[in-house]
Amino acid sequence: MDCALDIFFLEAVLNGVLLAGLLALLALGLNLVFGVIDVVWICYAELVMVGMYAIFHFYKVVGLPLPVAMLAGILIVAMAGIILHVVVIRPVLETPPINQLLVTGGVLFFLQAAATMAFGVEFRNIGVQLGSVSFADMYFSWNRIITFVMALAIVFGLWLFLRRTFIGTAIRAVSQDRHIMPLMGVDTRRIYLITSAIGGGLAGLAACLMVLQFDIYPQIGLQFGPLVFMICVLGGLGNMVGGFVAAFIIAQFITIGGSCFATEWGYAIAFLFFMVMMFLRPRGLFGSKA
């Protein structure tokens, strides 16, 4: 155990901030979909996994430039979001929430099995190493720095889209009252499709950033899926600002706990904090939808 307030502790805190950018981006798409459609995509992390495999295939197998491969991955996952809504979500949209959780959970296992059959169980990597930067005897990965900056840019871009565009205004209106808006001429089915495409696109963007930092394997969703869901619930399901704040809180528990004890203890402390908060604030820190 080493929790001294020294340069290593500060390095852990700053690395937690960088990790929070990625976690916030992962939670953003899930919160957007829930806020508008009122359905939790349990398989959201698996969509990210699909994007990572797509980027790997186009870059390493087909031989496309990495930016083009990433763009193709984003488009594929955005299309996957639309297909998920049309084929899986729409038929159970008016059913009890447990049915929605079960069908998206089924999609989770289907995607994992499909990835295992298509790519095997071995770990894959696109092989892009950007190195690290040193500052005051602290070391930070360029991959994490770029991920953090891009995550902030994407969050700000989505905020502008929702606040400054007609479609974004319609999305916010449907999220506030999905039953009244059809009476005012808003095509909620179209809004649901657009939201699903954006949610999938955000998963694809997260895949672009994750593929720079992590190996790709069929069960990678199990590493991040529960964590992202915990962040969304802690911030208040559907509340994008709450998810952003919760991501920073959880990331600090993981990195500082990992620095003081061990990485596994960092995750254990984060989940313990989550359980305590659910007793104190069952609806999350912010409690209501954005």
C-alpha atoms as a PDB file:
ATOM      1  CA  MET A   1       0.000   0.000   0.000  1.00  0.00           C
ATOM      2  CA  ASP A   2       1.428   3.370  -1.051  1.00  0.00           C
ATOM      3  CA  CYS A   3      -0.946   6.328  -0.876  1.00  0.00           C
ATOM      4  CA  ALA A   4       1.578   9.040  -0.102  1.00  0.00           C
ATOM      5  CA  LEU A   5       0.686  12.446  -1.507  1.00  0.00           C
ATOM      6  CA  ASP A   6       3.640  12.530  -3.848  1.00  0.00           C
ATOM      7  CA  ILE A   7       4.311  12.798  -7.575  1.00  0.00           C
ATOM      8  CA  PHE A   8       3.070   9.250  -8.151  1.00  0.00           C
ATOM      9  CA  PHE A   9      -0.241  10.039  -6.500  1.00  0.00           C
ATOM     10  CA  LEU A  10      -0.628  13.124  -8.711  1.00  0.00           C
ATOM     11  CA  GLU A  11       0.221  11.021 -11.750  1.00  0.00           C
ATOM     12  CA  ALA A  12      -2.543   8.572 -10.791  1.00  0.00           C
ATOM     13  CA  VAL A  13      -5.043  11.424 -10.417  1.00  0.00           C
ATOM     14  CA  LEU A  14      -4.178  12.878 -13.819  1.00  0.00           C
ATOM     15  CA  ASN A  15      -4.317   9.446 -15.449  1.00  0.00           C
ATOM     16  CA  GLY A  16      -7.744   9.069 -13.880  1.00  0.00           C
ATOM     17  CA  VAL A  17      -8.824  12.281 -15.595  1.00  0.00           C
ATOM     18  CA  LEU A  18      -7.590  10.931 -18.934  1.00  0.00           C
ATOM     19  CA  LEU A  19      -9.364   7.600 -18.387  1.00  0.00           C
ATOM     20  CA  ALA A  20     -12.563   9.469 -17.524  1.00  0.00           C
ATOM     21  CA  GLY A  21     -12.668  10.937 -21.025  1.00  0.00           C
ATOM     22  CA  LEU A  22     -12.971   7.482 -22.568  1.00  0.00           C
ATOM     23  CA  LEU A  23     -15.495   6.269 -19.991  1.00  0.00           C
ATOM     24  CA  ALA A  24     -17.590   9.421 -20.475  1.00  0.00           C
ATOM     25  CA  LEU A  25     -17.647   8.849 -24.227  1.00  0.00           C
ATOM     26  CA  LEU A  26     -18.693   5.218 -23.753  1.00  0.00           C
ATOM     27  CA  ALA A  27     -21.515   6.284 -21.422  1.00  0.00           C
ATOM     28  CA  LEU A  28     -22.624   9.115 -23.700  1.00  0.00           C
ATOM     29  CA  GLY A  29     -24.162   6.946 -26.410  1.00  0.00           C
ATOM     30  CA  LEU A  30     -25.905   4.655 -23.932  1.00  0.00           C
ATOM     31  CA  ASN A  31     -27.384   7.628 -22.055  1.00  0.00           C
ATOM     32  CA  LEU A  32     -28.545   9.261 -25.287  1.00  0.00           C
ATOM     33  CA  VAL A  33     -30.404   6.136 -26.401  1.00  0.00           C
ATOM     34  CA  PHE A  34     -32.046   5.649 -23.019  1.00  0.00           C
ATOM     35  CA  GLY A  35     -32.943   9.331 -22.713  1.00  0.00           C
ATOM     36  CA  VAL A  36     -34.818   9.301 -26.026  1.00  0.00           C
ATOM     37  CA  ILE A  37     -36.069   5.742 -26.560  1.00  0.00           C
ATOM     38  CA  ASP A  38     -36.242   4.698 -22.886  1.00  0.00           C
ATOM     39  CA  VAL A  39     -34.457   1.417 -23.604  1.00  0.00           C
ATOM     40  CA  VAL A  40     -31.094   0.349 -22.161  1.00  0.00           C
ATOM     41  CA  TRP A  41     -28.780  -1.227 -24.729  1.00  0.00           C
ATOM     42  CA  ILE A  42     -27.177  -3.901 -22.552  1.00  0.00           C
ATOM     43  CA  CYS A  43     -25.200  -4.885 -25.661  1.00  0.00           C
ATOM     44  CA  TYR A  44     -23.719  -1.395 -26.120  1.00  0.00           C
ATOM     45  CA  ALA A  45     -20.156  -2.460 -25.277  1.00  0.00           C
ATOM     46  CA  GLU A  46     -20.473  -5.278 -27.813  1.00  0.00           C
ATOM     47  CA  LEU A  47     -21.277  -2.707 -30.504  1.00  0.00           C
ATOM     48  CA  VAL A  48     -17.982  -1.051 -29.573  1.00  0.00           C
ATOM     49  CA  MET A  49     -16.323  -4.452 -29.970  1.00  0.00           C
ATOM     50  CA  VAL A  50     -17.843  -4.788 -33.451  1.00  0.00           C
ATOM     51  CA  GLY A  51     -16.402  -1.407 -34.344  1.00  0.00           C
ATOM     52  CA  MET A  52     -12.957  -2.401 -33.100  1.00  0.00           C
ATOM     53  CA  TYR A  53     -12.980  -5.584 -35.186  1.00  0.00           C
ATOM     54  CA  ALA A  54     -14.203  -3.636 -38.217  1.00  0.00           C
ATOM     55  CA  ILE A  55     -11.357  -1.143 -37.870  1.00  0.00           C
ATOM     56  CA  PHE A  56      -8.861  -3.977 -37.445  1.00  0.00           C
ATOM     57  CA  HIS A  57     -10.162  -5.768 -40.549  1.00  0.00           C
ATOM     58  CA  PHE A  58     -10.154  -2.712 -42.807  1.00  0.00           C
ATOM     59  CA  TYR A  59      -6.738  -1.549 -41.586  1.00  0.00           C
ATOM     60  CA  LYS A  60      -4.780  -4.801 -41.218  1.00  0.00           C
ATOM     61  CA  VAL A  61      -6.514  -7.100 -43.717  1.00  0.00           C
ATOM     62  CA  VAL A  62      -7.909  -4.838 -46.423  1.00  0.00           C
ATOM     63  CA  GLY A  63      -5.034  -2.372 -46.081  1.00  0.00           C
ATOM     64  CA  LEU A  64      -6.984   0.879 -45.912  1.00  0.00           C
ATOM     65  CA  PRO A  65      -5.375   3.920 -44.261  1.00  0.00           C
ATOM     66  CA  LEU A  66      -6.203   4.052 -40.556  1.00  0.00           C
ATOM     67  CA  PRO A  67      -8.445   7.175 -40.772  1.00  0.00           C
ATOM     68  CA  VAL A  68     -10.452   5.564 -43.589  1.00  0.00           C
ATOM     69  CA  ALA A  69     -10.682   2.293 -41.646  1.00  0.00           C
ATOM     70  CA  MET A  70     -11.943   4.228 -38.611  1.00  0.00           C
ATOM     71  CA  LEU A  71     -14.559   6.047 -40.699  1.00  0.00           C
ATOM     72  CA  ALA A  72     -15.732   2.708 -42.098  1.00  0.00           C
ATOM     73  CA  GLY A  73     -15.941   1.306 -38.552  1.00  0.00           C
ATOM     74  CA  ILE A  74     -18.068   4.253 -37.416  1.00  0.00           C
ATOM     75  CA  LEU A  75     -20.465   3.832 -40.346  1.00  0.00           C
ATOM     76  CA  ILE A  76     -20.779   0.081 -39.747  1.00  0.00           C
ATOM     77  CA  VAL A  77     -21.605   0.513 -36.059  1.00  0.00           C
ATOM     78  CA  ALA A  78     -24.049   3.348 -36.834  1.00  0.00           C
ATOM     79  CA  MET A  79     -25.810   1.007 -39.254  1.00  0.00           C
ATOM     80  CA  ALA A  80     -25.699  -1.721 -36.603  1.00  0.00           C
ATOM     81  CA  GLY A  81     -27.473   0.678 -34.224  1.00  0.00           C
ATOM     82  CA  ILE A  82     -30.270   1.182 -36.768  1.00  0.00           C
ATOM     83  CA  ILE A  83     -30.593  -2.566 -37.387  1.00  0.00           C
ATOM     84  CA  LEU A  84     -30.656  -3.208 -33.641  1.00  0.00           C
ATOM     85  CA  HIS A  85     -33.532  -0.784 -33.206  1.00  0.00           C
ATOM     86  CA  VAL A  86     -35.579  -2.016 -36.174  1.00  0.00           C
ATOM     87  CA  VAL A  87     -35.084  -5.750 -35.659  1.00  0.00           C
ATOM     88  CA  VAL A  88     -34.788  -6.051 -31.863  1.00  0.00           C
ATOM     89  CA  ILE A  89     -35.970  -2.911 -30.045  1.00  0.00           C
ATOM     90  CA  ARG A  90     -38.996  -1.784 -32.025  1.00  0.00           C
ATOM     91  CA  PRO A  91     -40.970  -5.057 -31.576  1.00  0.00           C
ATOM     92  CA  VAL A  92     -40.590  -4.862 -27.769  1.00  0.00           C
ATOM     93  CA  LEU A  93     -40.778  -1.094 -27.365  1.00  0.00           C
ATOM     94  CA  GLU A  94     -44.159  -1.181 -25.618  1.00  0.00           C
ATOM     95  CA  THR A  95     -43.426  -4.270 -23.537  1.00  0.00           C
ATOM     96  CA  PRO A  96     -42.170  -4.339 -19.917  1.00  0.00           C
ATOM     97  CA  PRO A  97     -38.535  -3.210 -19.441  1.00  0.00           C
ATOM     98  CA  ILE A  98     -37.444  -6.728 -18.470  1.00  0.00           C
ATOM     99  CA  ASN A  99     -38.282  -7.910 -22.002  1.00  0.00           C
ATOM    100  CA  GLN A 100     -36.126  -5.161 -23.472  1.00  0.00           C
ATOM    101  CA  LEU A 101     -33.235  -6.069 -21.197  1.00  0.00           C
ATOM    102  CA  LEU A 102     -33.548  -9.744 -22.122  1.00  0.00           C
ATOM    103  CA  VAL A 103     -33.544  -9.194 -25.885  1.00  0.00           C
ATOM    104  CA  THR A 104     -30.583  -6.799 -25.804  1.00  0.00           C
ATOM    105  CA  GLY A 105     -28.843  -9.257 -23.496  1.00  0.00           C
ATOM    106  CA  GLY A 106     -29.453 -11.900 -26.146  1.00  0.00           C
ATOM    107  CA  VAL A 107     -27.845  -9.625 -28.727  1.00  0.00           C
ATOM    108  CA  LEU A 108     -24.849  -9.284 -26.395  1.00  0.00           C
ATOM    109  CA  PHE A 109     -24.210 -13.044 -26.354  1.00  0.00           C
ATOM    110  CA  PHE A 110     -24.948 -13.355 -30.075  1.00  0.00           C
ATOM    111  CA  LEU A 111     -22.340 -10.731 -30.974  1.00  0.00           C
ATOM    112  CA  GLN A 112     -19.766 -12.323 -28.681  1.00  0.00           C
ATOM    113  CA  ALA A 113     -20.370 -15.750 -30.220  1.00  0.00           C
ATOM    114  CA  ALA A 114     -20.305 -14.351 -33.754  1.00  0.00           C
ATOM    115  CA  ALA A 115     -17.008 -12.557 -33.105  1.00  0.00           C
ATOM    116  CA  THR A 116     -15.518 -15.731 -31.631  1.00  0.00           C
ATOM    117  CA  MET A 117     -16.512 -17.772 -34.671  1.00  0.00           C
ATOM    118  CA  ALA A 118     -15.315 -15.114 -37.114  1.00  0.00           C
ATOM    119  CA  PHE A 119     -12.045 -14.066 -35.485  1.00  0.00           C
ATOM    120  CA  GLY A 120     -11.233 -16.692 -32.856  1.00  0.00           C
ATOM    121  CA  VAL A 121     -10.340 -16.047 -29.236  1.00  0.00           C
ATOM    122  CA  GLU A 122      -6.820 -14.700 -29.730  1.00  0.00           C
ATOM    123  CA  PHE A 123      -5.990 -11.095 -28.908  1.00  0.00           C
ATOM    124  CA  ARG A 124      -5.456  -8.766 -31.859  1.00  0.00           C
ATOM    125  CA  ASN A 125      -3.887  -5.331 -32.108  1.00  0.00           C
ATOM    126  CA  ILE A 126      -3.644  -2.764 -34.883  1.00  0.00           C
ATOM    127  CA  GLY A 127      -0.013  -2.180 -33.905  1.00  0.00           C
ATOM    128  CA  VAL A 128      -0.113   1.625 -33.647  1.00  0.00           C
ATOM    129  CA  GLN A 129       2.053   2.907 -30.793  1.00  0.00           C
ATOM    130  CA  LEU A 130       2.154   6.651 -30.185  1.00  0.00           C
ATOM    131  CA  GLY A 131       4.531   6.576 -27.229  1.00  0.00           C
ATOM    132  CA  SER A 132       4.247   8.717 -24.119  1.00  0.00           C
ATOM    133  CA  VAL A 133       5.019  12.216 -22.936  1.00  0.00           C
ATOM    134  CA  SER A 134       6.987  13.091 -19.799  1.00  0.00           C
ATOM    135  CA  PHE A 135       6.160  16.044 -17.587  1.00  0.00           C
ATOM    136  CA  ALA A 136       7.694  16.718 -14.151  1.00  0.00           C
ATOM    137  CA  ASP A 137       8.739  13.067 -13.784  1.00  0.00           C
ATOM    138  CA  MET A 138       5.222  11.929 -14.704  1.00  0.00           C
ATOM    139  CA  TYR A 139       4.468   9.856 -17.798  1.00  0.00           C
ATOM    140  CA  PHE A 140       1.266   9.965 -19.823  1.00  0.00           C
ATOM    141  CA  SER A 141       0.362   7.898 -22.865  1.00  0.00           C
ATOM    142  CA  TRP A 142      -0.278   9.893 -26.018  1.00  0.00           C
ATOM    143  CA  ASN A 143      -3.071   7.438 -26.766  1.00  0.00           C
ATOM    144  CA  ARG A 144      -4.876   8.464 -23.575  1.00  0.00           C
ATOM    145  CA  ILE A 145      -4.227  12.161 -24.143  1.00  0.00           C
ATOM    146  CA  ILE A 146      -5.612  12.014 -27.682  1.00  0.00           C
ATOM    147  CA  THR A 147      -8.561   9.967 -26.461  1.00  0.00           C
ATOM    148  CA  PHE A 148      -9.336  12.515 -23.742  1.00  0.00           C
ATOM    149  CA  VAL A 149      -9.175  15.486 -26.132  1.00  0.00           C
ATOM    150  CA  MET A 150     -11.285  13.717 -28.740  1.00  0.00           C
ATOM    151  CA  ALA A 151     -13.831  12.653 -26.117  1.00  0.00           C
ATOM    152  CA  LEU A 152     -14.237  16.246 -24.945  1.00  0.00           C
ATOM    153  CA  ALA A 153     -14.596  17.416 -28.556  1.00  0.00           C
ATOM    154  CA  ILE A 154     -17.237  14.752 -29.267  1.00  0.00           C
ATOM    155  CA  VAL A 155     -19.188  15.584 -26.107  1.00  0.00           C
ATOM    156  CA  PHE A 156     -19.136  19.287 -26.994  1.00  0.00           C
ATOM    157  CA  GLY A 157     -20.106  18.528 -30.599  1.00  0.00           C
ATOM    158  CA  LEU A 158     -23.074  16.433 -29.486  1.00  0.00           C
ATOM    159  CA  TRP A 159     -24.130  19.190 -27.098  1.00  0.00           C
ATOM    160  CA  LEU A 160     -24.089  21.702 -29.968  1.00  0.00           C
ATOM    161  CA  PHE A 161     -26.016  19.305 -32.197  1.00  0.00           C
ATOM    162  CA  LEU A 162     -28.730  18.780 -29.590  1.00  0.00           C
ATOM    163  CA  ARG A 163     -29.012  22.479 -28.774  1.00  0.00           C
ATOM    164  CA  ARG A 164     -28.502  24.209 -32.131  1.00  0.00           C
ATOM    165  CA  THR A 165     -30.090  21.984 -34.798  1.00  0.00           C
ATOM    166  CA  PHE A 166     -33.702  21.216 -35.641  1.00  0.00           C
ATOM    167  CA  ILE A 167     -33.192  17.449 -35.363  1.00  0.00           C
ATOM    168  CA  GLY A 168     -31.345  17.897 -32.084  1.00  0.00           C
ATOM    169  CA  THR A 169     -34.231  19.958 -30.719  1.00  0.00           C
ATOM    170  CA  ALA A 170     -36.675  17.264 -31.819  1.00  0.00           C
ATOM    171  CA  ILE A 171     -34.564  14.622 -30.084  1.00  0.00           C
ATOM    172  CA  ARG A 172     -34.591  16.624 -26.843  1.00  0.00           C
ATOM    173  CA  ALA A 173     -38.328  17.179 -27.144  1.00  0.00           C
ATOM    174  CA  VAL A 174     -39.019  13.464 -27.597  1.00  0.00           C
ATOM    175  CA  SER A 175     -36.757  12.662 -24.635  1.00  0.00           C
ATOM    176  CA  GLN A 176     -38.861  14.974 -22.453  1.00  0.00           C
ATOM    177  CA  ASP A 177     -42.277  13.632 -23.536  1.00  0.00           C
ATOM    178  CA  ARG A 178     -42.377  10.888 -26.169  1.00  0.00           C
ATOM    179  CA  HIS A 179     -46.183  10.544 -25.901  1.00  0.00           C
ATOM    180  CA  ILE A 180     -47.137  14.160 -26.559  1.00  0.00           C
ATOM    181  CA  MET A 181     -44.703  14.903 -29.403  1.00  0.00           C
ATOM    182  CA  PRO A 182     -46.515  12.750 -32.026  1.00  0.00           C
ATOM    183  CA  LEU A 183     -49.608  14.891 -31.422  1.00  0.00           C
ATOM    184  CA  MET A 184     -47.488  17.942 -32.337  1.00  0.00           C
ATOM    185  CA  GLY A 185     -46.394  16.479 -35.653  1.00  0.00           C
ATOM    186  CA  VAL A 186     -43.062  14.945 -34.659  1.00  0.00           C
ATOM    187  CA  ASP A 187     -42.366  11.570 -36.275  1.00  0.00           C
ATOM    188  CA  THR A 188     -41.071   9.679 -33.253  1.00  0.00           C
ATOM    189  CA  ARG A 189     -40.225   6.581 -35.336  1.00  0.00           C
ATOM    190  CA  ARG A 190     -37.848   8.686 -37.425  1.00  0.00           C
ATOM    191  CA  ILE A 191     -36.360  10.287 -34.309  1.00  0.00           C
ATOM    192  CA  TYR A 192     -35.806   6.836 -32.811  1.00  0.00           C
ATOM    193  CA  LEU A 193     -33.936   5.731 -35.938  1.00  0.00           C
ATOM    194  CA  ILE A 194     -31.784   8.867 -35.944  1.00  0.00           C
ATOM    195  CA  THR A 195     -31.039   8.453 -32.240  1.00  0.00           C
ATOM    196  CA  SER A 196     -30.113   4.798 -32.741  1.00  0.00           C
ATOM    197  CA  ALA A 197     -27.784   5.772 -35.588  1.00  0.00           C
ATOM    198  CA  ILE A 198     -26.155   8.463 -33.439  1.00  0.00           C
ATOM    199  CA  GLY A 199     -25.868   6.048 -30.511  1.00  0.00           C
ATOM    200  CA  GLY A 200     -24.242   3.504 -32.795  1.00  0.00           C
ATOM    201  CA  GLY A 201     -21.995   6.181 -34.274  1.00  0.00           C
ATOM    202  CA  LEU A 202     -20.851   7.176 -30.781  1.00  0.00           C
ATOM    203  CA  ALA A 203     -20.055   3.510 -30.105  1.00  0.00           C
ATOM    204  CA  GLY A 204     -18.045   3.529 -33.341  1.00  0.00           C
ATOM    205  CA  LEU A 205     -16.174   6.654 -32.251  1.00  0.00           C
ATOM    206  CA  ALA A 206     -15.420   4.997 -28.924  1.00  0.00           C
ATOM    207  CA  ALA A 207     -14.107   1.991 -30.859  1.00  0.00           C
ATOM    208  CA  CYS A 208     -11.751   4.286 -32.802  1.00  0.00           C
ATOM    209  CA  LEU A 209     -10.269   5.560 -29.560  1.00  0.00           C
ATOM    210  CA  MET A 210     -10.219   2.203 -27.764  1.00  0.00           C
ATOM    211  CA  VAL A 211      -8.483   0.439 -30.629  1.00  0.00           C
ATOM    212  CA  LEU A 212      -5.489   2.715 -30.026  1.00  0.00           C
ATOM    213  CA  GLN A 213      -5.181   1.575 -26.400  1.00  0.00           C
ATOM    214  CA  PHE A 214      -6.520  -1.958 -26.021  1.00  0.00           C
ATOM    215  CA  ASP A 215      -6.210  -5.365 -27.607  1.00  0.00           C
ATOM    216  CA  ILE A 216      -9.267  -6.655 -29.449  1.00  0.00           C
ATOM    217  CA  TYR A 217     -10.952  -9.900 -28.402  1.00  0.00           C
ATOM    218  CA  PRO A 218     -14.575 -11.130 -28.373  1.00  0.00           C
ATOM    219  CA  GLN A 219     -15.102 -10.611 -24.613  1.00  0.00           C
ATOM    220  CA  ILE A 220     -13.735  -7.073 -24.381  1.00  0.00           C
ATOM    221  CA  GLY A 221     -17.295  -5.884 -23.830  1.00  0.00           C
ATOM    222  CA  LEU A 222     -17.314  -7.723 -20.503  1.00  0.00           C
ATOM    223  CA  GLN A 223     -14.388  -5.562 -19.407  1.00  0.00           C
ATOM    224  CA  PHE A 224     -16.140  -2.262 -20.080  1.00  0.00           C
ATOM    225  CA  GLY A 225     -19.864  -3.064 -20.323  1.00  0.00           C
ATOM    226  CA  PRO A 226     -20.631  -3.353 -16.580  1.00  0.00           C
ATOM    227  CA  LEU A 227     -18.451  -0.312 -15.881  1.00  0.00           C
ATOM    228  CA  VAL A 228     -20.268   1.837 -18.443  1.00  0.00           C
ATOM    229  CA  PHE A 229     -23.671   0.701 -17.219  1.00  0.00           C
ATOM    230  CA  MET A 230     -22.632   1.526 -13.638  1.00  0.00           C
ATOM    231  CA  ILE A 231     -21.564   5.020 -14.726  1.00  0.00           C
ATOM    232  CA  CYS A 232     -24.868   5.629 -16.503  1.00  0.00           C
ATOM    233  CA  VAL A 233     -26.909   4.503 -13.479  1.00  0.00           C
ATOM    234  CA  LEU A 234     -24.739   6.454 -11.051  1.00  0.00           C
ATOM    235  CA  GLY A 235     -25.135   9.653 -13.054  1.00  0.00           C
ATOM    236  CA  GLY A 236     -28.856   9.060 -13.578  1.00  0.00           C
ATOM    237  CA  LEU A 237     -29.970   6.971 -16.556  1.00  0.00           C
ATOM    238  CA  GLY A 238     -30.558   9.249 -19.521  1.00  0.00           C
ATOM    239  CA  ASN A 239     -28.732  12.203 -17.953  1.00  0.00           C
ATOM    240  CA  MET A 240     -25.710  12.894 -20.161  1.00  0.00           C
ATOM    241  CA  VAL A 241     -24.211  15.505 -17.831  1.00  0.00           C
ATOM    242  CA  GLY A 242     -24.620  13.113 -14.917  1.00  0.00           C
ATOM    243  CA  GLY A 243     -22.891  10.363 -16.873  1.00  0.00           C
ATOM    244  CA  PHE A 244     -19.993  12.703 -17.633  1.00  0.00           C
ATOM    245  CA  VAL A 245     -19.543  13.564 -13.937  1.00  0.00           C
ATOM    246  CA  ALA A 246     -19.955   9.940 -12.849  1.00  0.00           C
ATOM    247  CA  ALA A 247     -17.272   8.872 -15.331  1.00  0.00           C
ATOM    248  CA  PHE A 248     -14.760  11.203 -13.672  1.00  0.00           C
ATOM    249  CA  ILE A 249     -15.690   9.945 -10.196  1.00  0.00           C
ATOM    250  CA  ILE A 250     -15.415   6.264 -11.116  1.00  0.00           C
ATOM    251  CA  ALA A 251     -12.177   6.796 -13.050  1.00  0.00           C
ATOM    252  CA  GLN A 252     -10.571   8.378  -9.984  1.00  0.00           C
ATOM    253  CA  PHE A 253     -11.590   5.444  -7.792  1.00  0.00           C
ATOM    254  CA  ILE A 254     -10.088   3.027 -10.317  1.00  0.00           C
ATOM    255  CA  THR A 255      -6.780   4.808 -10.834  1.00  0.00           C
ATOM    256  CA  ILE A 256      -6.162   6.001  -7.267  1.00  0.00           C
ATOM    257  CA  GLY A 257      -7.327   2.686  -5.791  1.00  0.00           C
ATOM    258  CA  GLY A 258      -5.121   0.869  -8.276  1.00  0.00           C
ATOM    259  CA  SER A 259      -2.168   3.084  -7.378  1.00  0.00           C
ATOM    260  CA  CYS A 260      -2.603   2.658  -3.625  1.00  0.00           C
ATOM    261  CA  PHE A 261      -3.445  -1.044  -3.611  1.00  0.00           C
ATOM    262  CA  ALA A 262      -3.812  -2.980  -6.871  1.00  0.00           C
ATOM    263  CA  THR A 263      -5.779  -2.586 -10.097  1.00  0.00           C
ATOM    264  CA  GLU A 264      -8.374  -5.134  -8.974  1.00  0.00           C
ATOM    265  CA  TRP A 265      -8.873  -3.222  -5.723  1.00  0.00           C
ATOM    266  CA  GLY A 266      -9.453  -0.044  -7.696  1.00  0.00           C
ATOM    267  CA  TYR A 267     -12.388  -1.651  -9.506  1.00  0.00           C
ATOM    268  CA  ALA A 268     -13.658  -3.207  -6.273  1.00  0.00           C
ATOM    269  CA  ILE A 269     -13.665   0.181  -4.517  1.00  0.00           C
ATOM    270  CA  ALA A 270     -15.463   1.788  -7.466  1.00  0.00           C
ATOM    271  CA  PHE A 271     -18.224  -0.839  -7.386  1.00  0.00           C
ATOM    272  CA  LEU A 272     -18.491  -0.561  -3.589  1.00  0.00           C
ATOM    273  CA  PHE A 273     -18.966   3.211  -3.907  1.00  0.00           C
ATOM    274  CA  PHE A 274     -21.629   2.568  -6.543  1.00  0.00           C
ATOM    275  CA  MET A 275     -23.541   0.186  -4.272  1.00  0.00           C
ATOM    276  CA  VAL A 276     -23.455   2.642  -1.369  1.00  0.00           C
ATOM    277  CA  MET A 277     -24.708   5.464  -3.603  1.00  0.00           C
ATOM    278  CA  MET A 278     -27.568   3.293  -4.844  1.00  0.00           C
ATOM    279  CA  PHE A 279     -28.743   2.974  -1.237  1.00  0.00           C
ATOM    280  CA  LEU A 280     -28.438   6.726  -0.683  1.00  0.00           C
ATOM    281  CA  ARG A 281     -29.605   7.947  -4.100  1.00  0.00           C
ATOM    282  CA  PRO A 282     -31.380   5.132  -5.980  1.00  0.00           C
ATOM    283  CA  ARG A 283     -32.037   7.340  -9.017  1.00  0.00           C
ATOM    284  CA  GLY A 284     -28.408   8.378  -9.337  1.00  0.00           C
ATOM    285  CA  LEU A 285     -26.481  11.531  -8.514  1.00  0.00           C
ATOM    286  CA  PHE A 286     -28.548  13.703 -10.856  1.00  0.00           C
ATOM    287  CA  GLY A 287     -31.685  11.652 -10.697  1.00  0.00           C
ATOM    288  CA  SER A 288     -33.608  12.690 -13.812  1.00  0.00           C
ATOM    289  CA  LYS A 289     -33.176  12.681 -17.543  1.00  0.00           C
ATOM    290  CA  ALA A 290     -31.391  15.503 -19.313  1.00  0.00           C
END
